[in-house]
Protein backbone atom coordinates (compact mmCIF):
# COMPACT_ATOMS: atom_id res chain seq x y z
CA MET A 1 34.49 -12.49 20.38
CA PRO A 2 31.81 -10.68 18.35
CA VAL A 3 28.14 -11.45 18.94
CA VAL A 4 26.57 -13.36 16.03
CA ASP A 5 22.86 -13.67 15.40
CA PRO A 6 22.15 -17.41 15.85
CA ARG A 7 20.10 -17.41 12.62
CA LEU A 8 23.28 -16.55 10.73
CA ALA A 9 25.79 -18.57 12.73
CA GLY A 10 27.72 -21.03 10.61
CA LYS A 11 26.14 -19.89 7.34
CA PRO A 12 28.31 -18.63 4.51
CA VAL A 13 28.07 -14.96 3.57
CA PRO A 14 26.18 -14.75 0.26
CA LYS A 15 27.82 -13.09 -2.73
CA ILE A 16 25.91 -10.91 -5.17
CA SER A 17 27.23 -8.93 -8.11
CA ARG A 18 26.19 -5.35 -8.84
CA GLU A 19 24.35 -6.60 -11.94
CA ALA A 20 22.43 -9.23 -9.94
CA MET A 21 21.57 -6.63 -7.28
CA GLU A 22 20.22 -4.23 -9.94
CA ARG A 23 18.33 -6.97 -11.80
CA GLY A 24 16.60 -8.62 -8.86
CA HIS A 25 16.74 -6.35 -5.83
CA VAL A 26 16.44 -2.72 -6.98
CA ALA A 27 13.39 -0.80 -8.18
CA ARG A 28 13.90 2.71 -9.55
CA ALA A 29 11.13 5.08 -8.46
CA ALA A 30 11.46 7.21 -11.60
CA LYS A 31 10.72 4.17 -13.80
CA ALA A 32 8.12 2.47 -11.57
CA ARG A 33 4.57 2.44 -12.88
CA GLY A 34 1.52 1.17 -11.07
CA ALA A 35 -2.17 0.61 -11.57
CA ASP A 36 -5.11 2.96 -11.29
CA ILE A 37 -7.39 0.00 -10.57
CA ALA A 38 -5.78 -2.09 -7.84
CA PHE A 39 -8.57 -1.78 -5.25
CA ILE A 40 -12.37 -1.54 -5.33
CA ASP A 41 -12.47 2.08 -4.15
CA GLN A 42 -10.39 3.60 -6.98
CA ARG A 43 -13.32 4.56 -9.24
CA ILE A 44 -14.89 6.57 -6.42
CA PRO A 45 -13.69 10.14 -7.22
CA ALA A 46 -12.24 10.88 -3.74
CA TYR A 47 -10.13 7.71 -3.85
CA LYS A 48 -8.48 8.06 -7.25
CA ARG A 49 -4.80 7.12 -6.99
CA GLU A 50 -2.01 5.09 -8.55
CA ILE A 51 -0.78 2.04 -6.62
CA ILE A 52 2.87 1.09 -7.23
CA ASN A 53 3.94 -2.22 -5.69
CA MET A 54 7.66 -1.73 -5.07
CA VAL A 55 8.66 -4.83 -3.08
CA GLY A 56 6.90 -7.72 -1.37
CA MET A 57 3.58 -9.39 -1.84
CA GLY A 58 1.47 -6.33 -1.11
CA VAL A 59 -2.25 -6.45 -0.43
CA THR A 60 -3.54 -5.57 -3.87
CA GLU A 61 -6.82 -7.02 -5.12
CA ASN A 62 -5.49 -6.91 -8.70
CA SER A 63 -3.20 -9.91 -9.12
CA ALA A 64 -1.61 -8.32 -12.21
CA LEU A 65 0.13 -5.69 -10.05
CA ALA A 66 3.50 -7.41 -9.57
CA PRO A 67 6.26 -5.94 -7.39
CA HIS A 68 9.01 -3.99 -9.17
CA VAL A 69 11.71 -5.66 -7.06
CA LYS A 70 11.81 -9.17 -8.53
CA ALA A 71 13.38 -10.90 -5.51
CA GLY A 72 10.88 -11.66 -2.79
CA ALA A 73 10.67 -9.83 0.50
CA ALA A 74 10.34 -11.79 3.74
CA GLY A 75 7.75 -10.39 6.08
CA PHE A 76 6.93 -6.97 4.62
CA SER A 77 5.85 -5.06 1.54
CA VAL A 78 6.41 -1.48 0.39
CA THR A 79 3.91 0.27 -1.84
CA TYR A 80 3.97 3.82 -3.20
CA VAL A 81 0.71 5.69 -3.56
CA ARG A 82 0.58 8.61 -5.99
CA ALA A 83 -2.56 10.73 -5.72
CA PRO A 84 -3.93 14.12 -6.77
CA GLN A 85 -4.99 16.65 -4.12
CA ASP A 86 -7.78 15.48 -1.77
CA CYS A 87 -7.58 11.89 -3.03
CA GLY A 88 -6.32 8.78 -1.29
CA ALA A 89 -7.77 5.53 0.07
CA ALA A 90 -11.17 4.84 1.57
CA LEU A 91 -11.76 3.27 4.98
CA HIS A 92 -10.24 -0.20 5.14
CA ARG A 93 -8.41 -2.39 7.61
CA HIS A 94 -5.74 -5.08 7.67
CA ALA A 95 -4.83 -8.03 9.86
CA THR A 96 -1.33 -6.50 9.99
CA GLU A 97 0.13 -3.17 10.98
CA GLU A 98 0.35 -0.51 8.27
CA VAL A 99 2.92 2.28 8.33
CA PHE A 100 2.50 5.49 6.31
CA ILE A 101 5.41 7.80 5.42
CA PRO A 102 4.84 10.88 3.21
CA VAL A 103 7.60 11.05 0.59
CA LYS A 104 6.29 14.10 -1.28
CA GLY A 105 3.64 16.48 0.02
CA ARG A 106 1.41 16.54 3.12
CA TRP A 107 -0.93 13.65 3.84
CA GLN A 108 -3.70 12.96 6.31
CA VAL A 109 -4.33 9.58 7.89
CA PHE A 110 -7.88 9.16 9.16
CA TRP A 111 -9.51 6.32 11.09
CA LEU A 112 -12.65 5.33 12.92
CA ASP A 113 -12.74 5.57 16.70
CA GLY A 114 -16.09 3.82 17.20
CA ASP A 115 -18.36 5.86 14.92
CA ALA A 116 -16.24 9.03 15.14
CA GLU A 117 -13.65 9.84 12.47
CA ARG A 118 -10.29 10.97 13.81
CA SER A 119 -7.28 12.20 11.82
CA VAL A 120 -3.64 13.19 12.00
CA ASP A 121 -1.80 15.31 9.41
CA LEU A 122 1.68 14.20 8.32
CA ASP A 123 4.53 16.16 6.75
CA GLU A 124 7.23 14.66 4.53
CA GLY A 125 9.25 12.10 6.48
CA ASP A 126 6.76 11.75 9.35
CA VAL A 127 5.71 8.20 10.27
CA CYS A 128 2.27 6.90 11.31
CA ASN A 129 1.91 3.25 12.37
CA VAL A 130 -1.78 2.28 12.32
CA PRO A 131 -2.64 -0.58 14.70
CA ILE A 132 -4.04 -3.89 13.48
CA GLY A 133 -7.78 -4.05 12.80
CA ILE A 134 -8.59 -0.31 12.83
CA TYR A 135 -10.50 1.08 9.84
CA ARG A 136 -8.18 3.64 8.28
CA GLY A 137 -7.76 5.70 5.14
CA PHE A 138 -5.54 8.48 3.89
CA ARG A 139 -5.65 11.53 1.61
CA ASN A 140 -3.29 13.96 -0.10
CA LEU A 141 -3.34 17.42 1.52
CA ALA A 142 -0.62 18.85 -0.77
CA GLY A 143 -2.49 21.94 -1.98
CA GLY A 144 -3.08 21.51 -5.70
CA THR A 145 -0.27 19.07 -6.41
CA GLU A 146 0.17 15.36 -6.79
CA ALA A 147 1.80 13.77 -3.74
CA LEU A 148 3.57 10.49 -2.97
CA LEU A 149 3.04 8.30 0.10
CA MET A 150 4.93 5.17 1.13
CA ALA A 151 2.85 2.42 2.75
CA ILE A 152 4.55 -0.48 4.50
CA ILE A 153 2.64 -3.61 5.47
CA GLY A 154 4.23 -5.96 7.98
CA GLY A 155 4.00 -9.66 8.62
CA PRO A 156 4.75 -12.74 6.55
CA ASP A 157 1.20 -12.79 5.13
CA ALA A 158 -0.18 -9.40 4.14
CA GLY A 159 -3.64 -10.90 3.70
CA LYS A 160 -6.44 -9.06 1.95
CA VAL A 161 -8.11 -5.72 2.51
CA ASP A 162 -11.24 -5.62 4.66
CA TRP A 163 -13.27 -2.66 3.36
CA HIS A 164 -15.73 -0.72 5.47
CA PRO A 165 -19.26 -1.76 4.38
CA SER A 166 -20.02 1.78 3.12
CA VAL A 167 -17.04 1.55 0.73
CA VAL A 168 -18.13 -1.84 -0.64
CA ALA A 169 -21.61 -0.46 -1.39
CA GLU A 170 -20.24 2.67 -3.12
CA ALA A 171 -17.68 0.67 -5.13
CA ARG A 172 -20.37 -1.69 -6.45
CA LYS A 173 -22.08 1.34 -8.02
CA THR A 174 -18.89 1.92 -10.06
CA GLY A 175 -18.73 -1.68 -11.31
CA LEU A 176 -15.96 -2.85 -8.98
CA SER A 177 -16.21 -5.56 -6.32
CA VAL A 178 -14.18 -8.46 -4.96
CA ASP A 179 -14.81 -12.20 -4.97
CA ASP A 180 -14.81 -14.41 -1.86
CA ASP A 181 -11.01 -14.66 -2.03
CA GLY A 182 -10.57 -10.86 -2.13
CA ASN A 183 -9.68 -10.63 -5.83
CA LEU A 184 -10.86 -7.68 -7.90
CA ILE A 185 -13.92 -8.15 -10.12
CA VAL A 186 -14.59 -5.58 -12.84
CA ASP A 187 -18.34 -5.87 -13.53
CA LYS A 188 -18.41 -2.98 -15.98
CA PRO A 189 -15.82 -0.70 -17.56
CA ALA A 190 -15.19 2.79 -16.22
CA ALA A 191 -17.69 5.38 -17.35
């Protein structure tokens, strides 16, 4: 007798047409567009990037950045990050794990070890799982070209981003901040 996961035992096998799969469960990378202002650090020159919410609730501070896969995801989110050379995300942390996988180009993941910055360079297809609560960031190392990084956040509640205090101060100078609920506030337009 085959082993059956008890969570599925006795439940009917769902049916889904190709059309329903395409409409609600597939996002095409070539057509996916994101936002250049999804987080408070994106007006700081070194952290310029496009955030593309592919599936799941994500951790964006801009509530207008809806996932491209319409059907919900249980317990995870996948975001693509497209950035020019030497750009990426500033120091931040999450109450969940975060996994980084370079899709196109070389990337560097950096983090704080006490007051010291540490880093690891990643090639396409490598995987880096950053532990919960560590301040981390990432940057494109792909010599003169735009690169693409996949970020996966785990857990049923992705929560909000906790920015390093230095990032919050620098972002305020650009006119971006967040309210008490972690939602983006645009105090002034981009210069």
